[in-house]
Amino acid sequence: MAQLFANNASTTLASNITSIATTLTVSAGAGALFPSPTGGDYFLITMVGLTSGVETSWKIIKVTARS
C-alpha cells in the first residue's frame, strides 16, 4: 500500500454531492490529473466548500479508486 501524489492537481465537481456520497464526478477530462490507485494504493484530496465565492469548509478525503 502506497500513498500516491499529483502536484497541484485541481478541478471542480461536475455536480453537487450529498453528505453520504461515496463517488464524485469531476469536470470533463480533469480525472486524468489525478493518480490511478491500484491494489491498496490511495491518494488524498482536499475538498473546499464555497458559499458566495468564499471558502467555508474543508474536508480531506482518502481516494482509493479512479475511473
PDB file of N, CA and C in Angstrom:
ATOM      1  N   MET A   1       0.845  -1.160   0.000  1.00  0.00           N
ATOM      2  CA  MET A   1       0.000   0.000   0.000  1.00  0.00           C
ATOM      3  C   MET A   1       0.898   1.233   0.000  1.00  0.00           C
ATOM      4  N   ALA A   2       0.605   2.156  -0.932  1.00  0.00           N
ATOM      5  CA  ALA A   2       1.405   3.368  -1.037  1.00  0.00           C
ATOM      6  C   ALA A   2       0.508   4.572  -1.246  1.00  0.00           C
ATOM      7  N   GLN A   3       0.932   5.690  -0.689  1.00  0.00           N
ATOM      8  CA  GLN A   3       0.213   6.929  -0.953  1.00  0.00           C
ATOM      9  C   GLN A   3       0.758   7.530  -2.233  1.00  0.00           C
ATOM     10  N   LEU A   4      -0.130   7.887  -3.153  1.00  0.00           N
ATOM     11  CA  LEU A   4       0.240   8.461  -4.434  1.00  0.00           C
ATOM     12  C   LEU A   4       0.047   9.972  -4.381  1.00  0.00           C
ATOM     13  N   PHE A   5       0.753  10.694  -5.271  1.00  0.00           N
ATOM     14  CA  PHE A   5       0.701  12.152  -5.254  1.00  0.00           C
ATOM     15  C   PHE A   5       0.560  12.701  -6.663  1.00  0.00           C
ATOM     16  N   ALA A   6      -0.039  13.877  -6.767  1.00  0.00           N
ATOM     17  CA  ALA A   6      -0.092  14.641  -8.014  1.00  0.00           C
ATOM     18  C   ALA A   6       0.182  16.092  -7.639  1.00  0.00           C
ATOM     19  N   ASN A   7       1.116  16.721  -8.309  1.00  0.00           N
ATOM     20  CA  ASN A   7       1.458  18.104  -7.982  1.00  0.00           C
ATOM     21  C   ASN A   7       0.392  19.073  -8.472  1.00  0.00           C
ATOM     22  N   ASN A   8      -0.200  19.786  -7.547  1.00  0.00           N
ATOM     23  CA  ASN A   8      -1.143  20.869  -7.839  1.00  0.00           C
ATOM     24  C   ASN A   8      -2.317  20.470  -8.718  1.00  0.00           C
ATOM     25  N   ALA A   9      -2.762  19.240  -8.658  1.00  0.00           N
ATOM     26  CA  ALA A   9      -3.958  18.827  -9.403  1.00  0.00           C
ATOM     27  C   ALA A   9      -5.164  19.526  -8.778  1.00  0.00           C
ATOM     28  N   SER A  10      -6.010  20.085  -9.620  1.00  0.00           N
ATOM     29  CA  SER A  10      -7.161  20.828  -9.130  1.00  0.00           C
ATOM     30  C   SER A  10      -8.281  20.739 -10.155  1.00  0.00           C
ATOM     31  N   THR A  11      -9.513  20.667  -9.677  1.00  0.00           N
ATOM     32  CA  THR A  11     -10.672  20.633 -10.559  1.00  0.00           C
ATOM     33  C   THR A  11     -11.899  21.067  -9.771  1.00  0.00           C
ATOM     34  N   THR A  12     -13.021  21.068 -10.421  1.00  0.00           N
ATOM     35  CA  THR A  12     -14.299  21.321  -9.760  1.00  0.00           C
ATOM     36  C   THR A  12     -15.185  20.102  -9.948  1.00  0.00           C
ATOM     37  N   LEU A  13     -16.188  19.984  -9.119  1.00  0.00           N
ATOM     38  CA  LEU A  13     -17.139  18.890  -9.263  1.00  0.00           C
ATOM     39  C   LEU A  13     -18.078  19.180 -10.424  1.00  0.00           C
ATOM     40  N   ALA A  14     -18.443  18.132 -11.147  1.00  0.00           N
ATOM     41  CA  ALA A  14     -19.361  18.277 -12.269  1.00  0.00           C
ATOM     42  C   ALA A  14     -20.795  18.426 -11.782  1.00  0.00           C
ATOM     43  N   SER A  15     -21.077  17.953 -10.557  1.00  0.00           N
ATOM     44  CA  SER A  15     -22.409  18.080  -9.979  1.00  0.00           C
ATOM     45  C   SER A  15     -22.298  18.083  -8.460  1.00  0.00           C
ATOM     46  N   ASN A  16     -23.353  18.506  -7.812  1.00  0.00           N
ATOM     47  CA  ASN A  16     -23.371  18.544  -6.350  1.00  0.00           C
ATOM     48  C   ASN A  16     -23.321  17.130  -5.780  1.00  0.00           C
ATOM     49  N   ILE A  17     -22.876  17.031  -4.533  1.00  0.00           N
ATOM     50  CA  ILE A  17     -22.839  15.742  -3.842  1.00  0.00           C
ATOM     51  C   ILE A  17     -23.623  15.859  -2.540  1.00  0.00           C
ATOM     52  N   THR A  18     -23.924  14.720  -1.947  1.00  0.00           N
ATOM     53  CA  THR A  18     -24.607  14.698  -0.654  1.00  0.00           C
ATOM     54  C   THR A  18     -23.602  14.364   0.439  1.00  0.00           C
ATOM     55  N   SER A  19     -24.037  14.452   1.668  1.00  0.00           N
ATOM     56  CA  SER A  19     -23.155  14.140   2.799  1.00  0.00           C
ATOM     57  C   SER A  19     -22.845  12.654   2.903  1.00  0.00           C
ATOM     58  N   ILE A  20     -23.561  11.799   2.167  1.00  0.00           N
ATOM     59  CA  ILE A  20     -23.303  10.357   2.215  1.00  0.00           C
ATOM     60  C   ILE A  20     -22.756   9.813   0.888  1.00  0.00           C
ATOM     61  N   ALA A  21     -22.376  10.708  -0.014  1.00  0.00           N
ATOM     62  CA  ALA A  21     -21.863  10.289  -1.325  1.00  0.00           C
ATOM     63  C   ALA A  21     -20.590   9.467  -1.167  1.00  0.00           C
ATOM     64  N   THR A  22     -20.459   8.428  -1.968  1.00  0.00           N
ATOM     65  CA  THR A  22     -19.234   7.618  -1.976  1.00  0.00           C
ATOM     66  C   THR A  22     -18.501   7.733  -3.305  1.00  0.00           C
ATOM     67  N   THR A  23     -19.063   8.465  -4.249  1.00  0.00           N
ATOM     68  CA  THR A  23     -18.396   8.739  -5.524  1.00  0.00           C
ATOM     69  C   THR A  23     -18.547  10.220  -5.850  1.00  0.00           C
ATOM     70  N   LEU A  24     -17.578  10.729  -6.601  1.00  0.00           N
ATOM     71  CA  LEU A  24     -17.582  12.121  -7.047  1.00  0.00           C
ATOM     72  C   LEU A  24     -17.361  12.138  -8.547  1.00  0.00           C
ATOM     73  N   THR A  25     -17.990  13.065  -9.239  1.00  0.00           N
ATOM     74  CA  THR A  25     -17.731  13.248 -10.659  1.00  0.00           C
ATOM     75  C   THR A  25     -17.111  14.623 -10.837  1.00  0.00           C
ATOM     76  N   VAL A  26     -15.932  14.652 -11.465  1.00  0.00           N
ATOM     77  CA  VAL A  26     -15.238  15.918 -11.677  1.00  0.00           C
ATOM     78  C   VAL A  26     -15.471  16.416 -13.097  1.00  0.00           C
ATOM     79  N   SER A  27     -15.050  17.630 -13.364  1.00  0.00           N
ATOM     80  CA  SER A  27     -15.209  18.226 -14.686  1.00  0.00           C
ATOM     81  C   SER A  27     -14.597  17.334 -15.759  1.00  0.00           C
ATOM     82  N   ALA A  28     -15.193  17.360 -16.942  1.00  0.00           N
ATOM     83  CA  ALA A  28     -14.755  16.510 -18.058  1.00  0.00           C
ATOM     84  C   ALA A  28     -13.247  16.654 -18.308  1.00  0.00           C
ATOM     85  N   GLY A  29     -12.561  15.518 -18.380  1.00  0.00           N
ATOM     86  CA  GLY A  29     -11.130  15.478 -18.669  1.00  0.00           C
ATOM     87  C   GLY A  29     -10.223  15.715 -17.481  1.00  0.00           C
ATOM     88  N   ALA A  30     -10.768  16.177 -16.363  1.00  0.00           N
ATOM     89  CA  ALA A  30      -9.944  16.524 -15.206  1.00  0.00           C
ATOM     90  C   ALA A  30      -9.493  15.306 -14.406  1.00  0.00           C
ATOM     91  N   GLY A  31     -10.190  14.189 -14.531  1.00  0.00           N
ATOM     92  CA  GLY A  31      -9.799  12.997 -13.776  1.00  0.00           C
ATOM     93  C   GLY A  31      -8.390  12.545 -14.083  1.00  0.00           C
ATOM     94  N   ALA A  32      -7.934  12.779 -15.301  1.00  0.00           N
ATOM     95  CA  ALA A  32      -6.585  12.366 -15.706  1.00  0.00           C
ATOM     96  C   ALA A  32      -5.489  13.120 -14.955  1.00  0.00           C
ATOM     97  N   LEU A  33      -5.829  14.201 -14.281  1.00  0.00           N
ATOM     98  CA  LEU A  33      -4.848  14.961 -13.496  1.00  0.00           C
ATOM     99  C   LEU A  33      -4.445  14.230 -12.221  1.00  0.00           C
ATOM    100  N   PHE A  34      -5.267  13.265 -11.811  1.00  0.00           N
ATOM    101  CA  PHE A  34      -5.083  12.598 -10.529  1.00  0.00           C
ATOM    102  C   PHE A  34      -4.535  11.190 -10.725  1.00  0.00           C
ATOM    103  N   PRO A  35      -3.849  10.649  -9.708  1.00  0.00           N
ATOM    104  CA  PRO A  35      -3.285   9.293  -9.797  1.00  0.00           C
ATOM    105  C   PRO A  35      -4.368   8.230  -9.993  1.00  0.00           C
ATOM    106  N   SER A  36      -3.951   7.054 -10.447  1.00  0.00           N
ATOM    107  CA  SER A  36      -4.836   5.893 -10.595  1.00  0.00           C
ATOM    108  C   SER A  36      -4.407   4.818  -9.609  1.00  0.00           C
ATOM    109  N   PRO A  37      -5.010   4.789  -8.439  1.00  0.00           N
ATOM    110  CA  PRO A  37      -4.612   3.797  -7.435  1.00  0.00           C
ATOM    111  C   PRO A  37      -4.927   2.363  -7.876  1.00  0.00           C
ATOM    112  N   THR A  38      -4.059   1.457  -7.521  1.00  0.00           N
ATOM    113  CA  THR A  38      -4.290   0.028  -7.721  1.00  0.00           C
ATOM    114  C   THR A  38      -3.976  -0.680  -6.411  1.00  0.00           C
ATOM    115  N   GLY A  39      -4.537  -1.872  -6.258  1.00  0.00           N
ATOM    116  CA  GLY A  39      -4.289  -2.615  -5.020  1.00  0.00           C
ATOM    117  C   GLY A  39      -4.717  -1.789  -3.825  1.00  0.00           C
ATOM    118  N   GLY A  40      -3.841  -1.604  -2.871  1.00  0.00           N
ATOM    119  CA  GLY A  40      -4.148  -0.822  -1.676  1.00  0.00           C
ATOM    120  C   GLY A  40      -3.690   0.621  -1.759  1.00  0.00           C
ATOM    121  N   ASP A  41      -3.244   1.065  -2.954  1.00  0.00           N
ATOM    122  CA  ASP A  41      -2.762   2.438  -3.104  1.00  0.00           C
ATOM    123  C   ASP A  41      -3.910   3.434  -2.934  1.00  0.00           C
ATOM    124  N   TYR A  42      -3.570   4.659  -2.632  1.00  0.00           N
ATOM    125  CA  TYR A  42      -4.572   5.709  -2.442  1.00  0.00           C
ATOM    126  C   TYR A  42      -3.919   7.075  -2.630  1.00  0.00           C
ATOM    127  N   PHE A  43      -4.749   8.092  -2.745  1.00  0.00           N
ATOM    128  CA  PHE A  43      -4.269   9.474  -2.674  1.00  0.00           C
ATOM    129  C   PHE A  43      -5.279  10.291  -1.885  1.00  0.00           C
ATOM    130  N   LEU A  44      -4.853  11.434  -1.407  1.00  0.00           N
ATOM    131  CA  LEU A  44      -5.718  12.300  -0.618  1.00  0.00           C
ATOM    132  C   LEU A  44      -6.123  13.514  -1.444  1.00  0.00           C
ATOM    133  N   ILE A  45      -7.370  13.943  -1.275  1.00  0.00           N
ATOM    134  CA  ILE A  45      -7.812  15.192  -1.885  1.00  0.00           C
ATOM    135  C   ILE A  45      -8.357  16.089  -0.787  1.00  0.00           C
ATOM    136  N   THR A  46      -8.286  17.374  -1.008  1.00  0.00           N
ATOM    137  CA  THR A  46      -8.910  18.336  -0.117  1.00  0.00           C
ATOM    138  C   THR A  46     -10.063  18.967  -0.864  1.00  0.00           C
ATOM    139  N   MET A  47     -11.254  18.791  -0.338  1.00  0.00           N
ATOM    140  CA  MET A  47     -12.438  19.411  -0.932  1.00  0.00           C
ATOM    141  C   MET A  47     -12.717  20.706  -0.181  1.00  0.00           C
ATOM    142  N   VAL A  48     -12.980  21.760  -0.943  1.00  0.00           N
ATOM    143  CA  VAL A  48     -13.242  23.073  -0.363  1.00  0.00           C
ATOM    144  C   VAL A  48     -14.665  23.474  -0.708  1.00  0.00           C
ATOM    145  N   GLY A  49     -15.448  23.760   0.311  1.00  0.00           N
ATOM    146  CA  GLY A  49     -16.813  24.232   0.101  1.00  0.00           C
ATOM    147  C   GLY A  49     -16.822  25.742  -0.052  1.00  0.00           C
ATOM    148  N   LEU A  50     -17.617  26.223  -1.002  1.00  0.00           N
ATOM    149  CA  LEU A  50     -17.715  27.658  -1.246  1.00  0.00           C
ATOM    150  C   LEU A  50     -19.138  28.136  -1.039  1.00  0.00           C
ATOM    151  N   THR A  51     -19.265  29.290  -0.443  1.00  0.00           N
ATOM    152  CA  THR A  51     -20.542  29.973  -0.323  1.00  0.00           C
ATOM    153  C   THR A  51     -20.328  31.399  -0.801  1.00  0.00           C
ATOM    154  N   SER A  52     -20.991  31.763  -1.874  1.00  0.00           N
ATOM    155  CA  SER A  52     -20.823  33.094  -2.471  1.00  0.00           C
ATOM    156  C   SER A  52     -19.359  33.389  -2.762  1.00  0.00           C
ATOM    157  N   GLY A  53     -18.627  32.369  -3.237  1.00  0.00           N
ATOM    158  CA  GLY A  53     -17.226  32.546  -3.602  1.00  0.00           C
ATOM    159  C   GLY A  53     -16.254  32.568  -2.438  1.00  0.00           C
ATOM    160  N   VAL A  54     -16.730  32.338  -1.227  1.00  0.00           N
ATOM    161  CA  VAL A  54     -15.886  32.356  -0.032  1.00  0.00           C
ATOM    162  C   VAL A  54     -15.734  30.931   0.478  1.00  0.00           C
ATOM    163  N   GLU A  55     -14.481  30.524   0.773  1.00  0.00           N
ATOM    164  CA  GLU A  55     -14.235  29.187   1.318  1.00  0.00           C
ATOM    165  C   GLU A  55     -14.873  29.078   2.696  1.00  0.00           C
ATOM    166  N   THR A  56     -15.747  28.086   2.861  1.00  0.00           N
ATOM    167  CA  THR A  56     -16.465  27.949   4.128  1.00  0.00           C
ATOM    168  C   THR A  56     -16.222  26.625   4.835  1.00  0.00           C
ATOM    169  N   SER A  57     -15.715  25.633   4.120  1.00  0.00           N
ATOM    170  CA  SER A  57     -15.449  24.343   4.759  1.00  0.00           C
ATOM    171  C   SER A  57     -14.381  23.598   3.976  1.00  0.00           C
ATOM    172  N   TRP A  58     -13.697  22.694   4.681  1.00  0.00           N
ATOM    173  CA  TRP A  58     -12.631  21.906   4.076  1.00  0.00           C
ATOM    174  C   TRP A  58     -12.759  20.473   4.568  1.00  0.00           C
ATOM    175  N   LYS A  59     -12.600  19.532   3.661  1.00  0.00           N
ATOM    176  CA  LYS A  59     -12.635  18.103   4.004  1.00  0.00           C
ATOM    177  C   LYS A  59     -11.474  17.423   3.301  1.00  0.00           C
ATOM    178  N   ILE A  60     -10.746  16.594   4.024  1.00  0.00           N
ATOM    179  CA  ILE A  60      -9.682  15.779   3.410  1.00  0.00           C
ATOM    180  C   ILE A  60     -10.241  14.385   3.252  1.00  0.00           C
ATOM    181  N   ILE A  61     -10.146  13.856   2.029  1.00  0.00           N
ATOM    182  CA  ILE A  61     -10.765  12.580   1.682  1.00  0.00           C
ATOM    183  C   ILE A  61      -9.720  11.632   1.115  1.00  0.00           C
ATOM    184  N   LYS A  62      -9.778  10.385   1.562  1.00  0.00           N
ATOM    185  CA  LYS A  62      -8.912   9.326   1.036  1.00  0.00           C
ATOM    186  C   LYS A  62      -9.573   8.716  -0.187  1.00  0.00           C
ATOM    187  N   VAL A  63      -8.878   8.749  -1.320  1.00  0.00           N
ATOM    188  CA  VAL A  63      -9.401   8.222  -2.584  1.00  0.00           C
ATOM    189  C   VAL A  63      -8.703   6.898  -2.884  1.00  0.00           C
ATOM    190  N   THR A  64      -9.487   5.847  -3.100  1.00  0.00           N
ATOM    191  CA  THR A  64      -8.929   4.521  -3.331  1.00  0.00           C
ATOM    192  C   THR A  64      -9.136   4.016  -4.756  1.00  0.00           C
ATOM    193  N   ALA A  65      -9.884   4.757  -5.576  1.00  0.00           N
ATOM    194  CA  ALA A  65     -10.109   4.324  -6.964  1.00  0.00           C
ATOM    195  C   ALA A  65     -10.454   5.535  -7.825  1.00  0.00           C
ATOM    196  N   ARG A  66     -10.127   5.425  -9.102  1.00  0.00           N
ATOM    197  CA  ARG A  66     -10.465   6.459 -10.073  1.00  0.00           C
ATOM    198  C   ARG A  66     -10.876   5.771 -11.359  1.00  0.00           C
ATOM    199  N   SER A  67     -11.959   6.217 -11.969  1.00  0.00           N
ATOM    200  CA  SER A  67     -12.360   5.615 -13.252  1.00  0.00           C
ATOM    201  C   SER A  67     -12.720   6.701 -14.243  1.00  0.00           C
TER     202      SER A  67
END
